[in-house]
């Protein structure tokens, strides 16, 4: 069972760089991903918006596997800035997990 981390939610909300609340959870992003990364971004962004930090951190390898090619972003009907969201998650992980 994963726990909601209110601090994580607050930190993400303060960022101008994370805009996944517009995600329609339609799956287009996963369908067009050249890496075939099913998790990104639909489930991953939902974990972030729900404050389930543990689930986000379980997927560090997936977050860093993204090519940031923006195929998903170009095809997103919700206009979510997917590549920027992934960059923000990498920044968060570097800062909070790896202490870089």
N, C-alpha and C. Protein backbone atom coordinates (compact mmCIF):
# COMPACT_ATOMS: atom_id res chain seq x y z
N UNK A 1 0.84 -1.17 0.00
CA UNK A 1 0.00 0.00 0.00
C UNK A 1 0.89 1.24 0.00
N UNK A 2 0.56 2.20 -0.85
CA UNK A 2 1.31 3.45 -0.95
C UNK A 2 0.61 4.53 -0.14
N UNK A 3 1.39 5.39 0.45
CA UNK A 3 0.85 6.48 1.26
C UNK A 3 0.92 7.80 0.52
N UNK A 4 -0.06 8.66 0.79
CA UNK A 4 -0.06 10.00 0.21
C UNK A 4 0.90 10.86 1.01
N UNK A 5 1.74 11.58 0.30
CA UNK A 5 2.73 12.47 0.93
C UNK A 5 2.31 13.92 0.66
N UNK A 6 1.67 14.58 1.63
CA UNK A 6 1.20 15.95 1.43
C UNK A 6 2.34 16.92 1.09
N UNK A 7 3.52 16.69 1.62
CA UNK A 7 4.67 17.54 1.30
C UNK A 7 5.05 17.46 -0.16
N UNK A 8 4.96 16.26 -0.71
CA UNK A 8 5.25 16.04 -2.12
C UNK A 8 4.23 16.78 -2.98
N UNK A 9 2.96 16.66 -2.63
CA UNK A 9 1.90 17.36 -3.37
C UNK A 9 2.15 18.86 -3.36
N UNK A 10 2.45 19.40 -2.19
CA UNK A 10 2.67 20.84 -2.07
C UNK A 10 3.88 21.30 -2.88
N UNK A 11 4.94 20.53 -2.84
CA UNK A 11 6.13 20.90 -3.59
C UNK A 11 5.87 20.90 -5.10
N UNK A 12 5.13 19.93 -5.57
CA UNK A 12 4.81 19.85 -6.99
C UNK A 12 3.88 21.00 -7.38
N UNK A 13 2.90 21.31 -6.54
CA UNK A 13 1.97 22.41 -6.84
C UNK A 13 2.68 23.75 -6.96
N UNK A 14 3.74 23.94 -6.21
CA UNK A 14 4.46 25.21 -6.23
C UNK A 14 5.28 25.37 -7.50
N UNK A 15 5.52 24.30 -8.20
CA UNK A 15 6.33 24.35 -9.42
C UNK A 15 5.49 24.86 -10.59
N UNK A 16 6.04 25.80 -11.32
CA UNK A 16 5.39 26.26 -12.56
C UNK A 16 5.65 25.28 -13.68
N UNK A 17 6.55 24.34 -13.46
CA UNK A 17 7.00 23.45 -14.51
C UNK A 17 6.18 22.16 -14.62
N UNK A 18 5.31 21.89 -13.67
CA UNK A 18 4.56 20.63 -13.71
C UNK A 18 3.09 20.94 -13.95
N UNK A 19 2.56 20.56 -15.11
CA UNK A 19 1.19 20.91 -15.46
C UNK A 19 0.33 19.71 -15.83
N UNK A 20 0.52 18.60 -15.17
CA UNK A 20 -0.16 17.37 -15.57
C UNK A 20 -1.64 17.33 -15.20
N UNK A 21 -2.14 18.33 -14.52
CA UNK A 21 -3.56 18.29 -14.14
C UNK A 21 -4.46 18.32 -15.37
N UNK A 22 -3.95 18.76 -16.52
CA UNK A 22 -4.73 18.77 -17.76
C UNK A 22 -4.77 17.40 -18.43
N UNK A 23 -4.04 16.43 -17.90
CA UNK A 23 -4.00 15.10 -18.49
C UNK A 23 -5.38 14.47 -18.52
N UNK A 24 -5.78 13.97 -19.68
CA UNK A 24 -7.08 13.33 -19.86
C UNK A 24 -7.03 11.83 -19.59
N UNK A 25 -5.83 11.32 -19.35
CA UNK A 25 -5.62 9.89 -19.12
C UNK A 25 -6.14 9.05 -20.29
N UNK A 26 -5.95 9.58 -21.50
CA UNK A 26 -6.48 8.93 -22.70
C UNK A 26 -5.56 7.84 -23.25
N UNK A 27 -4.26 7.93 -22.96
CA UNK A 27 -3.33 6.92 -23.42
C UNK A 27 -2.64 7.20 -24.72
N UNK A 28 -2.92 8.32 -25.36
CA UNK A 28 -2.26 8.65 -26.63
C UNK A 28 -0.75 8.72 -26.43
N UNK A 29 -0.33 9.28 -25.31
CA UNK A 29 1.11 9.41 -25.04
C UNK A 29 1.82 8.06 -25.05
N UNK A 30 1.21 7.09 -24.43
CA UNK A 30 1.80 5.76 -24.37
C UNK A 30 1.79 5.10 -25.75
N UNK A 31 0.76 5.36 -26.53
CA UNK A 31 0.63 4.74 -27.85
C UNK A 31 1.68 5.24 -28.83
N UNK A 32 2.10 6.49 -28.70
CA UNK A 32 3.05 7.05 -29.67
C UNK A 32 4.50 7.05 -29.16
N UNK A 33 4.73 6.57 -27.97
CA UNK A 33 6.08 6.57 -27.40
C UNK A 33 7.00 5.63 -28.17
N UNK A 34 8.10 6.14 -28.74
CA UNK A 34 9.00 5.28 -29.49
C UNK A 34 9.75 4.29 -28.60
N UNK A 35 9.80 4.55 -27.32
CA UNK A 35 10.45 3.65 -26.38
C UNK A 35 9.49 2.58 -25.87
N UNK A 36 8.20 2.77 -26.13
CA UNK A 36 7.21 1.82 -25.65
C UNK A 36 7.05 1.86 -24.15
N UNK A 37 7.30 3.02 -23.58
CA UNK A 37 7.21 3.18 -22.12
C UNK A 37 5.75 3.38 -21.76
N UNK A 38 5.11 2.34 -21.31
CA UNK A 38 3.68 2.39 -21.01
C UNK A 38 3.37 3.28 -19.82
N UNK A 39 4.24 3.30 -18.84
CA UNK A 39 3.96 4.06 -17.62
C UNK A 39 3.95 5.56 -17.87
N UNK A 40 4.83 6.01 -18.70
CA UNK A 40 4.92 7.46 -18.91
C UNK A 40 3.94 7.90 -19.96
N UNK A 41 3.28 8.98 -19.76
CA UNK A 41 3.18 9.72 -18.52
C UNK A 41 1.90 9.48 -17.74
N UNK A 42 0.94 8.79 -18.31
CA UNK A 42 -0.39 8.72 -17.70
C UNK A 42 -0.38 8.30 -16.24
N UNK A 43 0.11 7.14 -15.94
CA UNK A 43 0.08 6.66 -14.55
C UNK A 43 1.04 7.46 -13.68
N UNK A 44 2.20 7.74 -14.20
CA UNK A 44 3.21 8.47 -13.44
C UNK A 44 2.69 9.83 -13.00
N UNK A 45 2.08 10.58 -13.92
CA UNK A 45 1.56 11.90 -13.58
C UNK A 45 0.42 11.80 -12.58
N UNK A 46 -0.37 10.75 -12.69
CA UNK A 46 -1.46 10.55 -11.73
C UNK A 46 -0.89 10.32 -10.34
N UNK A 47 0.18 9.52 -10.25
CA UNK A 47 0.84 9.32 -8.95
C UNK A 47 1.30 10.65 -8.36
N UNK A 48 1.87 11.51 -9.21
CA UNK A 48 2.36 12.80 -8.74
C UNK A 48 1.19 13.64 -8.23
N UNK A 49 0.13 13.74 -9.02
CA UNK A 49 -1.02 14.57 -8.65
C UNK A 49 -1.72 14.06 -7.39
N UNK A 50 -1.64 12.75 -7.16
CA UNK A 50 -2.24 12.18 -5.95
C UNK A 50 -1.29 12.23 -4.75
N UNK A 51 -0.04 12.61 -5.01
CA UNK A 51 0.93 12.72 -3.92
C UNK A 51 1.51 11.39 -3.49
N UNK A 52 1.53 10.42 -4.38
CA UNK A 52 2.05 9.10 -4.05
C UNK A 52 3.54 9.07 -4.45
N UNK A 53 4.33 9.75 -3.66
CA UNK A 53 5.77 9.91 -3.91
C UNK A 53 6.47 8.57 -4.07
N UNK A 54 6.10 7.62 -3.23
CA UNK A 54 6.70 6.28 -3.24
C UNK A 54 6.59 5.62 -4.62
N UNK A 55 5.42 5.72 -5.25
CA UNK A 55 5.20 5.13 -6.57
C UNK A 55 6.03 5.84 -7.64
N UNK A 56 6.17 7.16 -7.49
CA UNK A 56 7.00 7.91 -8.42
C UNK A 56 8.44 7.44 -8.31
N UNK A 57 8.94 7.33 -7.10
CA UNK A 57 10.33 6.94 -6.89
C UNK A 57 10.60 5.49 -7.27
N UNK A 58 9.58 4.65 -7.27
CA UNK A 58 9.74 3.27 -7.73
C UNK A 58 10.03 3.22 -9.23
N UNK A 59 9.76 4.32 -9.91
CA UNK A 59 9.87 4.36 -11.38
C UNK A 59 10.98 5.29 -11.86
N UNK A 60 12.01 5.45 -11.05
CA UNK A 60 13.13 6.32 -11.42
C UNK A 60 13.75 5.88 -12.75
N UNK A 61 13.96 4.59 -12.94
CA UNK A 61 14.55 4.10 -14.19
C UNK A 61 13.69 4.50 -15.39
N UNK A 62 12.39 4.39 -15.25
CA UNK A 62 11.48 4.76 -16.33
C UNK A 62 11.55 6.25 -16.62
N UNK A 63 11.60 7.06 -15.57
CA UNK A 63 11.67 8.51 -15.73
C UNK A 63 12.92 8.90 -16.50
N UNK A 64 14.03 8.25 -16.21
CA UNK A 64 15.27 8.56 -16.90
C UNK A 64 15.40 7.85 -18.25
N UNK A 65 14.49 6.93 -18.57
CA UNK A 65 14.50 6.26 -19.87
C UNK A 65 13.85 7.10 -20.96
N UNK A 66 13.02 8.03 -20.56
CA UNK A 66 12.32 8.88 -21.53
C UNK A 66 13.33 9.65 -22.36
N UNK A 67 13.13 9.68 -23.67
CA UNK A 67 14.04 10.37 -24.60
C UNK A 67 13.77 11.87 -24.68
N UNK A 68 12.67 12.32 -24.10
CA UNK A 68 12.25 13.73 -24.19
C UNK A 68 12.09 14.17 -25.64
N UNK A 69 11.64 13.26 -26.48
CA UNK A 69 11.49 13.53 -27.92
C UNK A 69 10.23 14.34 -28.23
N UNK A 70 9.31 14.38 -27.30
CA UNK A 70 8.05 15.14 -27.39
C UNK A 70 7.03 14.55 -28.35
N UNK A 71 7.21 13.31 -28.78
CA UNK A 71 6.18 12.68 -29.62
C UNK A 71 4.86 12.65 -28.86
N UNK A 72 4.94 12.34 -27.58
CA UNK A 72 3.74 12.28 -26.75
C UNK A 72 3.11 13.67 -26.61
N UNK A 73 3.96 14.65 -26.41
CA UNK A 73 3.50 16.02 -26.19
C UNK A 73 2.81 16.59 -27.43
N UNK A 74 3.39 16.35 -28.59
CA UNK A 74 2.82 16.85 -29.85
C UNK A 74 1.43 16.26 -30.09
N UNK A 75 1.23 15.02 -29.64
CA UNK A 75 -0.03 14.33 -29.88
C UNK A 75 -1.02 14.42 -28.72
N UNK A 76 -0.66 15.09 -27.65
CA UNK A 76 -1.50 15.15 -26.45
C UNK A 76 -2.71 16.05 -26.67
N UNK A 77 -3.94 15.49 -26.60
CA UNK A 77 -5.13 16.32 -26.80
C UNK A 77 -5.39 17.28 -25.63
N UNK A 78 -4.76 17.04 -24.49
CA UNK A 78 -4.94 17.90 -23.32
C UNK A 78 -3.94 19.04 -23.26
N UNK A 79 -2.97 19.04 -24.17
CA UNK A 79 -1.97 20.10 -24.19
C UNK A 79 -1.00 20.06 -23.02
N UNK A 80 -0.81 18.88 -22.47
CA UNK A 80 0.11 18.72 -21.34
C UNK A 80 1.55 18.83 -21.83
N UNK A 81 2.37 19.57 -21.13
CA UNK A 81 3.79 19.73 -21.47
C UNK A 81 4.56 18.56 -20.86
N UNK A 82 4.43 17.42 -21.49
CA UNK A 82 4.92 16.16 -20.95
C UNK A 82 6.43 16.17 -20.76
N UNK A 83 7.17 16.62 -21.74
CA UNK A 83 8.63 16.63 -21.62
C UNK A 83 9.08 17.52 -20.45
N UNK A 84 8.43 18.65 -20.28
CA UNK A 84 8.78 19.54 -19.16
C UNK A 84 8.42 18.89 -17.82
N UNK A 85 7.33 18.16 -17.80
CA UNK A 85 6.95 17.46 -16.57
C UNK A 85 7.99 16.40 -16.21
N UNK A 86 8.46 15.67 -17.21
CA UNK A 86 9.48 14.66 -16.98
C UNK A 86 10.78 15.33 -16.53
N UNK A 87 11.11 16.45 -17.15
CA UNK A 87 12.31 17.20 -16.71
C UNK A 87 12.18 17.63 -15.26
N UNK A 88 10.98 18.09 -14.90
CA UNK A 88 10.76 18.51 -13.51
C UNK A 88 10.94 17.32 -12.57
N UNK A 89 10.42 16.16 -12.93
CA UNK A 89 10.58 14.98 -12.08
C UNK A 89 12.04 14.59 -11.95
N UNK A 90 12.79 14.70 -13.03
CA UNK A 90 14.23 14.43 -12.96
C UNK A 90 14.92 15.42 -12.03
N UNK A 91 14.54 16.68 -12.13
CA UNK A 91 15.09 17.71 -11.24
C UNK A 91 14.78 17.36 -9.78
N UNK A 92 13.52 17.02 -9.52
CA UNK A 92 13.09 16.66 -8.18
C UNK A 92 13.90 15.47 -7.65
N UNK A 93 14.05 14.45 -8.46
CA UNK A 93 14.79 13.25 -8.05
C UNK A 93 16.25 13.59 -7.80
N UNK A 94 16.84 14.35 -8.70
CA UNK A 94 18.25 14.75 -8.50
C UNK A 94 18.43 15.52 -7.20
N UNK A 95 17.49 16.40 -6.92
CA UNK A 95 17.60 17.26 -5.74
C UNK A 95 17.27 16.51 -4.44
N UNK A 96 16.19 15.76 -4.43
CA UNK A 96 15.68 15.13 -3.20
C UNK A 96 16.21 13.73 -2.94
N UNK A 97 16.46 12.97 -4.00
CA UNK A 97 16.88 11.58 -3.82
C UNK A 97 18.40 11.44 -3.92
N UNK A 98 18.95 11.98 -5.01
CA UNK A 98 20.38 11.84 -5.24
C UNK A 98 21.19 12.96 -4.58
N UNK A 99 20.50 13.99 -4.10
CA UNK A 99 21.13 15.13 -3.40
C UNK A 99 22.19 15.81 -4.25
N UNK A 100 21.89 15.97 -5.54
CA UNK A 100 22.83 16.63 -6.47
C UNK A 100 22.60 18.12 -6.50
